[in-house]
Protein backbone atom coordinates (compact mmCIF):
# COMPACT_ATOMS: atom_id res chain seq x y z
CA UNK A 1 -35.63 -236.49 -131.38
CA UNK A 2 -37.55 -236.10 -128.13
CA UNK A 3 -35.40 -234.26 -125.61
CA UNK A 4 -37.44 -234.89 -122.48
CA UNK A 5 -37.51 -238.14 -120.55
CA UNK A 6 -40.05 -240.52 -122.11
CA UNK A 7 -43.31 -240.91 -120.27
CA UNK A 8 -46.07 -243.47 -120.81
CA UNK A 9 -49.44 -241.84 -121.57
CA UNK A 10 -52.16 -242.36 -118.98
CA UNK A 11 -54.46 -243.67 -121.76
CA UNK A 12 -53.28 -245.82 -124.63
CA UNK A 13 -56.57 -246.12 -126.48
CA UNK A 14 -56.44 -245.67 -130.24
CA UNK A 15 -58.84 -242.73 -130.06
CA UNK A 16 -56.90 -240.76 -127.43
CA UNK A 17 -53.63 -241.48 -129.21
CA UNK A 18 -55.00 -240.28 -132.53
CA UNK A 19 -56.38 -237.12 -130.96
CA UNK A 20 -53.06 -236.39 -129.25
CA UNK A 21 -51.15 -236.85 -132.47
CA UNK A 22 -53.54 -234.60 -134.36
CA UNK A 23 -53.11 -231.89 -131.75
CA UNK A 24 -49.32 -232.14 -131.84
CA UNK A 25 -49.34 -232.01 -135.62
CA UNK A 26 -51.20 -228.71 -135.43
CA UNK A 27 -53.66 -229.96 -138.03
CA UNK A 28 -55.99 -227.01 -137.61
CA UNK A 29 -53.64 -224.09 -137.11
CA UNK A 30 -49.99 -223.14 -137.05
CA UNK A 31 -47.02 -224.44 -139.01
CA UNK A 32 -46.44 -228.18 -139.38
CA UNK A 33 -43.52 -229.99 -137.81
CA UNK A 34 -40.43 -229.64 -139.93
CA UNK A 35 -39.25 -232.70 -141.85
CA UNK A 36 -35.46 -232.87 -142.08
CA UNK A 37 -34.00 -233.61 -145.51
CA UNK A 38 -37.58 -233.41 -146.79
CA UNK A 39 -36.57 -233.51 -150.46
CA UNK A 40 -35.78 -237.19 -150.06
CA UNK A 41 -39.40 -238.02 -149.26
CA UNK A 42 -42.68 -237.87 -151.14
CA UNK A 43 -45.75 -236.19 -149.65
CA UNK A 44 -47.12 -239.31 -147.97
CA UNK A 45 -43.72 -240.12 -146.47
CA UNK A 46 -43.39 -236.58 -145.11
CA UNK A 47 -46.81 -236.91 -143.51
CA UNK A 48 -45.78 -240.23 -141.97
CA UNK A 49 -42.65 -238.70 -140.50
CA UNK A 50 -44.62 -235.79 -139.04
CA UNK A 51 -47.13 -238.21 -137.53
CA UNK A 52 -44.33 -240.28 -136.00
CA UNK A 53 -42.62 -237.23 -134.51
CA UNK A 54 -45.95 -235.91 -133.20
CA UNK A 55 -46.59 -239.26 -131.51
CA UNK A 56 -43.14 -239.13 -129.93
CA UNK A 57 -43.72 -235.59 -128.66
CA UNK A 58 -46.88 -236.67 -126.83
CA UNK A 59 -45.15 -239.79 -125.47
CA UNK A 60 -46.65 -242.58 -127.57
CA UNK A 61 -43.75 -244.82 -128.53
CA UNK A 62 -45.93 -247.55 -130.05
CA UNK A 63 -47.59 -245.08 -132.41
CA UNK A 64 -44.19 -243.62 -133.25
CA UNK A 65 -42.89 -247.00 -134.32
CA UNK A 66 -46.03 -247.79 -136.32
CA UNK A 67 -45.88 -244.53 -138.27
CA UNK A 68 -42.23 -245.14 -139.19
CA UNK A 69 -42.67 -248.60 -140.71
CA UNK A 70 -42.62 -247.46 -144.35
CA UNK A 71 -39.82 -244.93 -143.76
CA UNK A 72 -37.49 -247.52 -142.23
CA UNK A 73 -37.62 -249.50 -145.48
CA UNK A 74 -36.31 -246.61 -147.62
CA UNK A 75 -32.95 -247.18 -149.33
CA UNK A 76 -30.53 -245.50 -148.93
CA UNK A 77 -31.54 -245.24 -145.31
CA UNK A 78 -33.38 -242.11 -144.20
CA UNK A 79 -31.44 -241.41 -141.00
CA UNK A 80 -34.01 -239.22 -139.16
CA UNK A 81 -36.58 -242.02 -139.28
CA UNK A 82 -34.11 -244.54 -137.89
CA UNK A 83 -33.01 -242.28 -135.02
CA UNK A 84 -36.63 -241.69 -134.08
CA UNK A 85 -37.36 -245.42 -134.23
CA UNK A 86 -34.31 -246.14 -132.08
CA UNK A 87 -35.54 -243.74 -129.41
CA UNK A 88 -39.02 -245.23 -129.49
CA UNK A 89 -37.76 -248.81 -129.27
CA UNK A 90 -35.42 -247.90 -126.42
CA UNK A 91 -38.38 -246.42 -124.54
CA UNK A 92 -40.22 -249.71 -125.09
CA UNK A 93 -37.32 -251.71 -123.64
CA UNK A 94 -36.12 -253.12 -126.96
CA UNK A 95 -32.64 -251.67 -127.04
CA UNK A 96 -30.73 -254.98 -127.04
CA UNK A 97 -32.54 -256.49 -130.06
CA UNK A 98 -31.93 -253.20 -131.86
CA UNK A 99 -28.21 -253.37 -131.21
CA UNK A 100 -28.06 -256.92 -132.60
CA UNK A 101 -30.00 -255.87 -135.69
CA UNK A 102 -27.86 -252.82 -136.42
CA UNK A 103 -24.62 -254.72 -135.90
CA UNK A 104 -25.81 -257.27 -138.43
CA UNK A 105 -26.62 -254.46 -140.87
CA UNK A 106 -23.10 -253.04 -140.50
CA UNK A 107 -21.60 -256.49 -141.02
CA UNK A 108 -23.61 -256.90 -144.22
CA UNK A 109 -22.99 -253.32 -145.45
CA UNK A 110 -19.65 -252.19 -143.92
CA UNK A 111 -19.31 -249.30 -146.35
CA UNK A 112 -22.72 -247.77 -145.64
CA UNK A 113 -22.30 -244.60 -143.57
CA UNK A 114 -25.90 -244.52 -142.31
CA UNK A 115 -25.72 -248.06 -140.95
CA UNK A 116 -22.34 -247.42 -139.29
CA UNK A 117 -23.64 -244.20 -137.77
CA UNK A 118 -26.84 -245.71 -136.41
CA UNK A 119 -25.13 -248.77 -134.97
CA UNK A 120 -22.66 -246.47 -133.24
CA UNK A 121 -25.51 -244.41 -131.82
CA UNK A 122 -26.61 -247.45 -129.81
CA UNK A 123 -23.20 -247.95 -128.21
CA UNK A 124 -23.06 -246.89 -124.58
CA UNK A 125 -19.63 -248.22 -123.73
CA UNK A 126 -16.43 -249.33 -125.50
CA UNK A 127 -17.35 -252.99 -125.09
CA UNK A 128 -20.22 -252.64 -127.54
CA UNK A 129 -18.13 -251.44 -130.47
CA UNK A 130 -14.40 -252.09 -130.49
CA UNK A 131 -12.63 -248.70 -130.24
CA UNK A 132 -9.74 -247.81 -132.49
CA UNK A 133 -6.27 -247.60 -131.04
CA UNK A 134 -5.80 -244.50 -128.91
CA UNK A 135 -3.67 -241.58 -130.02
CA UNK A 136 -1.56 -241.61 -126.89
CA UNK A 137 -3.74 -239.06 -125.15
CA UNK A 138 -7.09 -240.70 -124.56
CA UNK A 139 -9.31 -243.66 -125.45
CA UNK A 140 -12.05 -242.55 -127.85
CA UNK A 141 -15.56 -243.70 -127.06
CA UNK A 142 -17.20 -246.40 -129.16
CA UNK A 143 -19.61 -243.80 -130.46
CA UNK A 144 -16.81 -241.47 -131.51
CA UNK A 145 -15.08 -244.29 -133.38
CA UNK A 146 -18.30 -245.14 -135.23
CA UNK A 147 -19.13 -241.52 -135.98
CA UNK A 148 -15.66 -240.82 -137.35
CA UNK A 149 -15.93 -243.86 -139.57
CA UNK A 150 -19.37 -242.78 -140.82
CA UNK A 151 -18.07 -239.27 -141.47
CA UNK A 152 -15.19 -240.64 -143.54
CA UNK A 153 -17.60 -242.82 -145.52
CA UNK A 154 -19.98 -239.93 -146.30
CA UNK A 155 -18.53 -236.50 -145.44
CA UNK A 156 -21.28 -234.76 -147.44
CA UNK A 157 -24.10 -236.07 -145.26
CA UNK A 158 -25.12 -233.81 -142.37
CA UNK A 159 -25.93 -236.65 -140.00
CA UNK A 160 -22.45 -238.06 -139.28
CA UNK A 161 -21.13 -234.50 -139.00
CA UNK A 162 -23.79 -233.48 -136.47
CA UNK A 163 -23.33 -236.70 -134.49
CA UNK A 164 -19.54 -236.45 -134.43
CA UNK A 165 -19.64 -232.81 -133.37
CA UNK A 166 -21.98 -233.69 -130.50
CA UNK A 167 -19.87 -236.64 -129.34
CA UNK A 168 -16.61 -234.65 -129.45
CA UNK A 169 -18.31 -231.90 -127.48
CA UNK A 170 -19.46 -234.42 -124.87
CA UNK A 171 -15.93 -235.81 -124.58
CA UNK A 172 -14.47 -232.31 -124.30
CA UNK A 173 -16.78 -231.48 -121.41
CA UNK A 174 -15.85 -234.69 -119.56
CA UNK A 175 -12.14 -233.95 -120.00
CA UNK A 176 -12.60 -230.34 -118.91
CA UNK A 177 -14.38 -231.50 -115.74
CA UNK A 178 -11.48 -233.89 -115.08
CA UNK A 179 -9.03 -231.01 -115.49
CA UNK A 180 -10.88 -229.03 -112.83
CA UNK A 181 -10.76 -232.01 -110.49
CA UNK A 182 -7.03 -232.43 -111.06
CA UNK A 183 -6.42 -228.75 -110.37
CA UNK A 184 -8.43 -228.98 -107.16
CA UNK A 185 -6.32 -231.97 -106.08
CA UNK A 186 -3.09 -230.08 -106.63
CA UNK A 187 -1.91 -231.40 -110.01
CA UNK A 188 -1.63 -228.22 -112.11
CA UNK A 189 0.48 -229.72 -114.92
CA UNK A 190 -1.87 -232.65 -115.44
CA UNK A 191 -4.83 -230.28 -115.24
CA UNK A 192 -3.29 -228.05 -117.90
CA UNK A 193 -2.66 -231.02 -120.20
CA UNK A 194 -6.24 -232.20 -119.83
CA UNK A 195 -7.57 -228.72 -120.46
CA UNK A 196 -5.53 -228.59 -123.67
CA UNK A 197 -7.10 -231.85 -124.83
CA UNK A 198 -10.55 -230.48 -124.06
CA UNK A 199 -9.80 -227.32 -126.02
CA UNK A 200 -8.68 -229.31 -129.06
CA UNK A 201 -11.83 -231.45 -129.00
CA UNK A 202 -14.00 -228.35 -128.54
CA UNK A 203 -12.33 -226.75 -131.54
CA UNK A 204 -12.82 -229.81 -133.72
CA UNK A 205 -16.45 -229.98 -132.63
CA UNK A 206 -16.95 -226.27 -133.39
CA UNK A 207 -15.47 -226.56 -136.88
CA UNK A 208 -17.77 -229.49 -137.69
CA UNK A 209 -20.83 -227.71 -136.32
CA UNK A 210 -20.14 -224.53 -138.27
CA UNK A 211 -19.49 -226.59 -141.38
CA UNK A 212 -22.88 -228.29 -141.27
CA UNK A 213 -24.69 -225.01 -140.53
CA UNK A 214 -23.02 -223.40 -143.55
CA UNK A 215 -23.76 -226.34 -145.84
CA UNK A 216 -27.34 -226.91 -144.62
CA UNK A 217 -28.70 -223.49 -143.64
CA UNK A 218 -32.33 -224.68 -143.78
CA UNK A 219 -31.78 -227.71 -141.51
CA UNK A 220 -33.02 -227.06 -137.97
CA UNK A 221 -30.98 -229.97 -136.61
CA UNK A 222 -27.77 -228.35 -137.85
CA UNK A 223 -28.47 -225.10 -136.02
CA UNK A 224 -29.64 -226.90 -132.89
CA UNK A 225 -26.56 -229.14 -132.84
CA UNK A 226 -24.23 -226.17 -133.18
CA UNK A 227 -26.14 -224.33 -130.45
CA UNK A 228 -25.80 -227.32 -128.12
CA UNK A 229 -22.06 -227.46 -128.71
CA UNK A 230 -21.54 -223.74 -128.11
CA UNK A 231 -23.76 -223.75 -125.03
CA UNK A 232 -21.65 -226.50 -123.48
CA UNK A 233 -18.43 -224.64 -124.20
CA UNK A 234 -19.78 -221.27 -123.13
CA UNK A 235 -21.12 -222.55 -119.82
CA UNK A 236 -18.00 -224.60 -119.04
CA UNK A 237 -15.58 -221.75 -119.77
CA UNK A 238 -17.76 -218.82 -118.79
CA UNK A 239 -17.76 -217.34 -122.30
CA UNK A 240 -20.79 -215.08 -122.56
CA UNK A 241 -20.18 -214.27 -126.24
CA UNK A 242 -20.17 -217.99 -127.00
CA UNK A 243 -23.49 -218.40 -125.19
CA UNK A 244 -24.97 -215.49 -127.15
CA UNK A 245 -23.85 -217.14 -130.39
CA UNK A 246 -25.47 -220.38 -129.22
CA UNK A 247 -28.68 -218.50 -128.49
CA UNK A 248 -28.79 -217.07 -132.00
CA UNK A 249 -28.39 -220.53 -133.49
CA UNK A 250 -31.07 -222.00 -131.22
CA UNK A 251 -33.48 -219.23 -132.16
CA UNK A 252 -32.81 -219.92 -135.82
CA UNK A 253 -33.58 -223.62 -135.24
CA UNK A 254 -36.90 -222.57 -133.68
CA UNK A 255 -37.67 -220.34 -136.68
CA UNK A 256 -37.07 -223.29 -138.99
CA UNK A 257 -39.04 -225.74 -136.84
CA UNK A 258 -41.54 -223.71 -134.77
CA UNK A 259 -43.90 -226.60 -134.06
CA UNK A 260 -41.27 -228.67 -132.21
CA UNK A 261 -41.10 -228.04 -128.44
CA UNK A 262 -37.51 -229.29 -128.32
CA UNK A 263 -36.39 -226.11 -130.10
CA UNK A 264 -37.79 -223.91 -127.35
CA UNK A 265 -36.40 -226.15 -124.61
CA UNK A 266 -32.93 -225.52 -126.04
CA UNK A 267 -33.53 -221.76 -126.04
CA UNK A 268 -34.63 -221.97 -122.40
CA UNK A 269 -31.51 -223.90 -121.41
CA UNK A 270 -29.24 -221.34 -123.02
CA UNK A 271 -31.13 -218.42 -121.49
CA UNK A 272 -30.73 -220.06 -118.08
CA UNK A 273 -26.98 -220.13 -118.67
CA UNK A 274 -27.16 -216.44 -119.56
CA UNK A 275 -28.98 -215.74 -116.27
CA UNK A 276 -32.02 -214.68 -118.27
CA UNK A 277 -34.82 -216.38 -116.33
CA UNK A 278 -37.59 -214.21 -117.82
CA UNK A 279 -36.44 -215.28 -121.29
CA UNK A 280 -36.28 -218.90 -120.17
CA UNK A 281 -39.85 -218.66 -118.88
CA UNK A 282 -41.06 -217.34 -122.24
CA UNK A 283 -39.34 -220.20 -124.09
CA UNK A 284 -40.69 -222.87 -121.75
CA UNK A 285 -44.22 -221.52 -121.99
CA UNK A 286 -43.89 -221.63 -125.78
CA UNK A 287 -42.81 -225.27 -125.55
CA UNK A 288 -45.76 -226.03 -123.27
CA UNK A 289 -48.13 -224.58 -125.84
CA UNK A 290 -46.94 -227.41 -128.07
CA UNK A 291 -46.85 -230.16 -125.41
CA UNK A 292 -48.90 -228.98 -122.46
CA UNK A 293 -48.50 -231.87 -120.02
CA UNK A 294 -44.83 -232.80 -120.43
CA UNK A 295 -43.53 -233.23 -116.86
CA UNK A 296 -40.01 -232.15 -117.74
CA UNK A 297 -41.25 -228.91 -119.27
CA UNK A 298 -43.49 -228.28 -116.28
CA UNK A 299 -40.69 -229.08 -113.83
CA UNK A 300 -38.31 -226.80 -115.71
CA UNK A 301 -40.87 -224.01 -115.64
CA UNK A 302 -41.35 -224.58 -111.90
CA UNK A 303 -37.63 -224.16 -111.24
CA UNK A 304 -37.50 -220.99 -113.32
CA UNK A 305 -40.51 -219.55 -111.47
CA UNK A 306 -38.83 -220.32 -108.14
CA UNK A 307 -35.78 -218.36 -109.24
CA UNK A 308 -38.05 -215.53 -110.37
CA UNK A 309 -39.57 -215.34 -106.89
CA UNK A 310 -43.03 -216.63 -107.85
CA UNK A 311 -43.39 -219.71 -105.62
CA UNK A 312 -47.17 -220.02 -105.93
CA UNK A 313 -46.98 -220.29 -109.71
CA UNK A 314 -43.98 -222.61 -109.34
CA UNK A 315 -45.98 -224.85 -106.99
CA UNK A 316 -48.82 -225.09 -109.50
CA UNK A 317 -46.47 -226.09 -112.35
CA UNK A 318 -44.64 -228.59 -110.15
CA UNK A 319 -47.89 -230.16 -108.96
CA UNK A 320 -48.86 -230.75 -112.57
CA UNK A 321 -45.44 -232.30 -113.23
CA UNK A 322 -45.80 -234.50 -110.16
CA UNK A 323 -49.13 -235.87 -111.40
CA UNK A 324 -47.21 -237.39 -114.30
CA UNK A 325 -44.22 -238.53 -112.22
CA UNK A 326 -45.20 -238.73 -108.54
CA UNK A 327 -41.93 -240.39 -107.45
CA UNK A 328 -39.57 -238.05 -109.26
CA UNK A 329 -37.13 -236.91 -106.57
CA UNK A 330 -36.16 -233.59 -108.14
CA UNK A 331 -39.77 -232.56 -108.76
CA UNK A 332 -40.65 -233.35 -105.15
CA UNK A 333 -37.68 -231.41 -103.79
CA UNK A 334 -38.55 -228.37 -105.87
CA UNK A 335 -42.17 -228.66 -104.77
CA UNK A 336 -41.02 -228.72 -101.15
CA UNK A 337 -38.95 -225.59 -101.74
CA UNK A 338 -41.96 -223.88 -103.31
CA UNK A 339 -44.06 -224.76 -100.24
CA UNK A 340 -41.33 -223.43 -97.97
CA UNK A 341 -41.19 -220.13 -99.83
CA UNK A 342 -44.95 -219.81 -99.58
CA UNK A 343 -44.62 -220.15 -95.80
CA UNK A 344 -46.15 -223.64 -95.54
CA UNK A 345 -43.24 -225.09 -93.60
CA UNK A 346 -45.06 -228.15 -92.27
CA UNK A 347 -46.03 -229.21 -95.81
CA UNK A 348 -42.47 -228.58 -96.96
CA UNK A 349 -41.03 -230.79 -94.23
CA UNK A 350 -43.47 -233.58 -95.00
CA UNK A 351 -42.70 -233.35 -98.73
CA UNK A 352 -38.92 -233.29 -98.26
CA UNK A 353 -38.89 -236.13 -95.73
CA UNK A 354 -40.87 -238.23 -98.18
CA UNK A 355 -38.52 -237.26 -101.02
CA UNK A 356 -35.52 -238.25 -98.88
CA UNK A 357 -36.97 -241.76 -98.70
CA UNK A 358 -37.18 -242.13 -102.47
CA UNK A 359 -33.43 -242.63 -102.84
CA UNK A 360 -31.33 -243.34 -99.77
CA UNK A 361 -28.18 -242.25 -101.60
CA UNK A 362 -29.32 -238.84 -102.84
CA UNK A 363 -28.39 -235.91 -100.56
CA UNK A 364 -30.48 -233.20 -102.24
CA UNK A 365 -33.67 -233.53 -100.18
CA UNK A 366 -31.64 -233.37 -96.96
CA UNK A 367 -30.04 -230.04 -97.86
CA UNK A 368 -33.44 -228.44 -98.45
CA UNK A 369 -34.91 -230.18 -95.38
CA UNK A 370 -32.16 -228.83 -93.11
CA UNK A 371 -32.88 -225.29 -94.26
CA UNK A 372 -36.62 -225.67 -93.66
CA UNK A 373 -36.05 -227.17 -90.20
CA UNK A 374 -33.80 -224.26 -89.27
CA UNK A 375 -36.46 -221.85 -90.44
CA UNK A 376 -39.01 -223.70 -88.31
CA UNK A 377 -36.66 -223.50 -85.34
CA UNK A 378 -36.35 -227.27 -85.00
CA UNK A 379 -32.60 -227.40 -84.48
CA UNK A 380 -32.46 -231.09 -83.58
CA UNK A 381 -34.18 -232.06 -86.82
CA UNK A 382 -31.92 -229.69 -88.77
CA UNK A 383 -28.85 -231.36 -87.28
CA UNK A 384 -30.18 -234.81 -88.18
CA UNK A 385 -30.79 -233.68 -91.76
CA UNK A 386 -27.32 -232.17 -92.04
CA UNK A 387 -25.64 -235.30 -90.68
CA UNK A 388 -27.57 -237.46 -93.13
CA UNK A 389 -26.67 -235.03 -95.91
CA UNK A 390 -22.98 -235.57 -95.11
CA UNK A 391 -23.40 -239.34 -94.88
CA UNK A 392 -24.95 -239.35 -98.36
CA UNK A 393 -21.98 -237.48 -99.78
CA UNK A 394 -23.54 -234.06 -100.25
CA UNK A 395 -21.31 -231.79 -102.35
CA UNK A 396 -21.40 -228.74 -100.08
CA UNK A 397 -19.67 -230.48 -97.20
CA UNK A 398 -18.00 -227.31 -95.96
CA UNK A 399 -21.37 -225.57 -95.61
CA UNK A 400 -22.95 -228.55 -93.86
CA UNK A 401 -20.06 -228.97 -91.40
CA UNK A 402 -19.92 -225.23 -90.66
CA UNK A 403 -23.69 -225.12 -90.09
CA UNK A 404 -23.50 -228.07 -87.72
CA UNK A 405 -20.77 -226.27 -85.77
CA UNK A 406 -22.84 -223.08 -85.63
CA UNK A 407 -25.87 -224.97 -84.37
CA UNK A 408 -23.78 -226.73 -81.72
CA UNK A 409 -22.25 -223.42 -80.59
CA UNK A 410 -25.65 -221.78 -80.39
CA UNK A 411 -27.08 -224.71 -78.47
CA UNK A 412 -24.19 -224.49 -76.04
CA UNK A 413 -24.83 -220.79 -75.63
CA UNK A 414 -28.53 -221.36 -74.97
CA UNK A 415 -27.74 -224.00 -72.35
CA UNK A 416 -25.33 -221.68 -70.55
CA UNK A 417 -22.27 -223.83 -71.22
CA UNK A 418 -18.94 -221.96 -71.15
């Protein structure tokens, strides 16, 4: 359920954990966290699910697992509890035992859609679940195979439909990106064929998403899943109307589940695609009201504030994010950019040089560092950064090479060379 990268709380005491969960539950004010498929649960079970989700939102995986114990035992399986437990166990490094357990469950209950679905959710590559024979066009992922099987077993359940729509959408995006690469390499026929495959998968994903929204209009996950699918399509194909449709669905998910920060994160992502940074800021600040120290939310807000031309506020948000994840490369690069835009070039250089040492294969700090060094007038350092950027495989190779040539020409001019 949690959409941000899991983080370990600075304090794991029972008291601090309980207080954090109470705050996330909104025990004193505001609406409670929504419970999907709530009619299946009694009052105590609904409270347990809310407590588990609240623990997950504040980053306490152990508490999440503890709160779910009674819900995991429900038969037929209550899928939302199992997905939340899977995420918590994965964060605790217990993914492999989970996979063994769920495979055994599928072997014992091969006709149970929930078990097939949840085992498939743990598959990261085709070796983990044997894929079905291809259709002559592509090899389906292990997850897709499992999700299709679960959907056939229980087409009335929303969970296989949502999962299959998401997986088909993911596959469509990967194929679309491959089509662009083929076109760039001069293979227009192959690119066209790949684009057609992506379009067909997108369409199948869209039909499934719209189906589950129509059949479960009060289910926030249905609206959010459809919004995710349409956002991916709209951004990949440049379809503004599709993005606007996605935004409407995401806003409906937030109306149905206003205590969950993930709903507002999705709105922010779509508004960023719509080039609506003020709207993205509003959504991220709403999410932070619900989870005020999440480093991903703070980092996202920092990037939005940079684009809005408010580097001082961006720096403050990014510093808070960095306190949670001091070695996060992207946070440090953005913080260096904020310092540059505030005019503190020496601090920016120091920050970006340190960030460049975090991952010797990542070119992003070097691009920003080259720009800062040029602004400082240190042409030799700028050239070194650009050369390292190229060595690390930076994407904007044409820009880097052209800038190196310009710097060399200017240096030659300064030295009086012909």
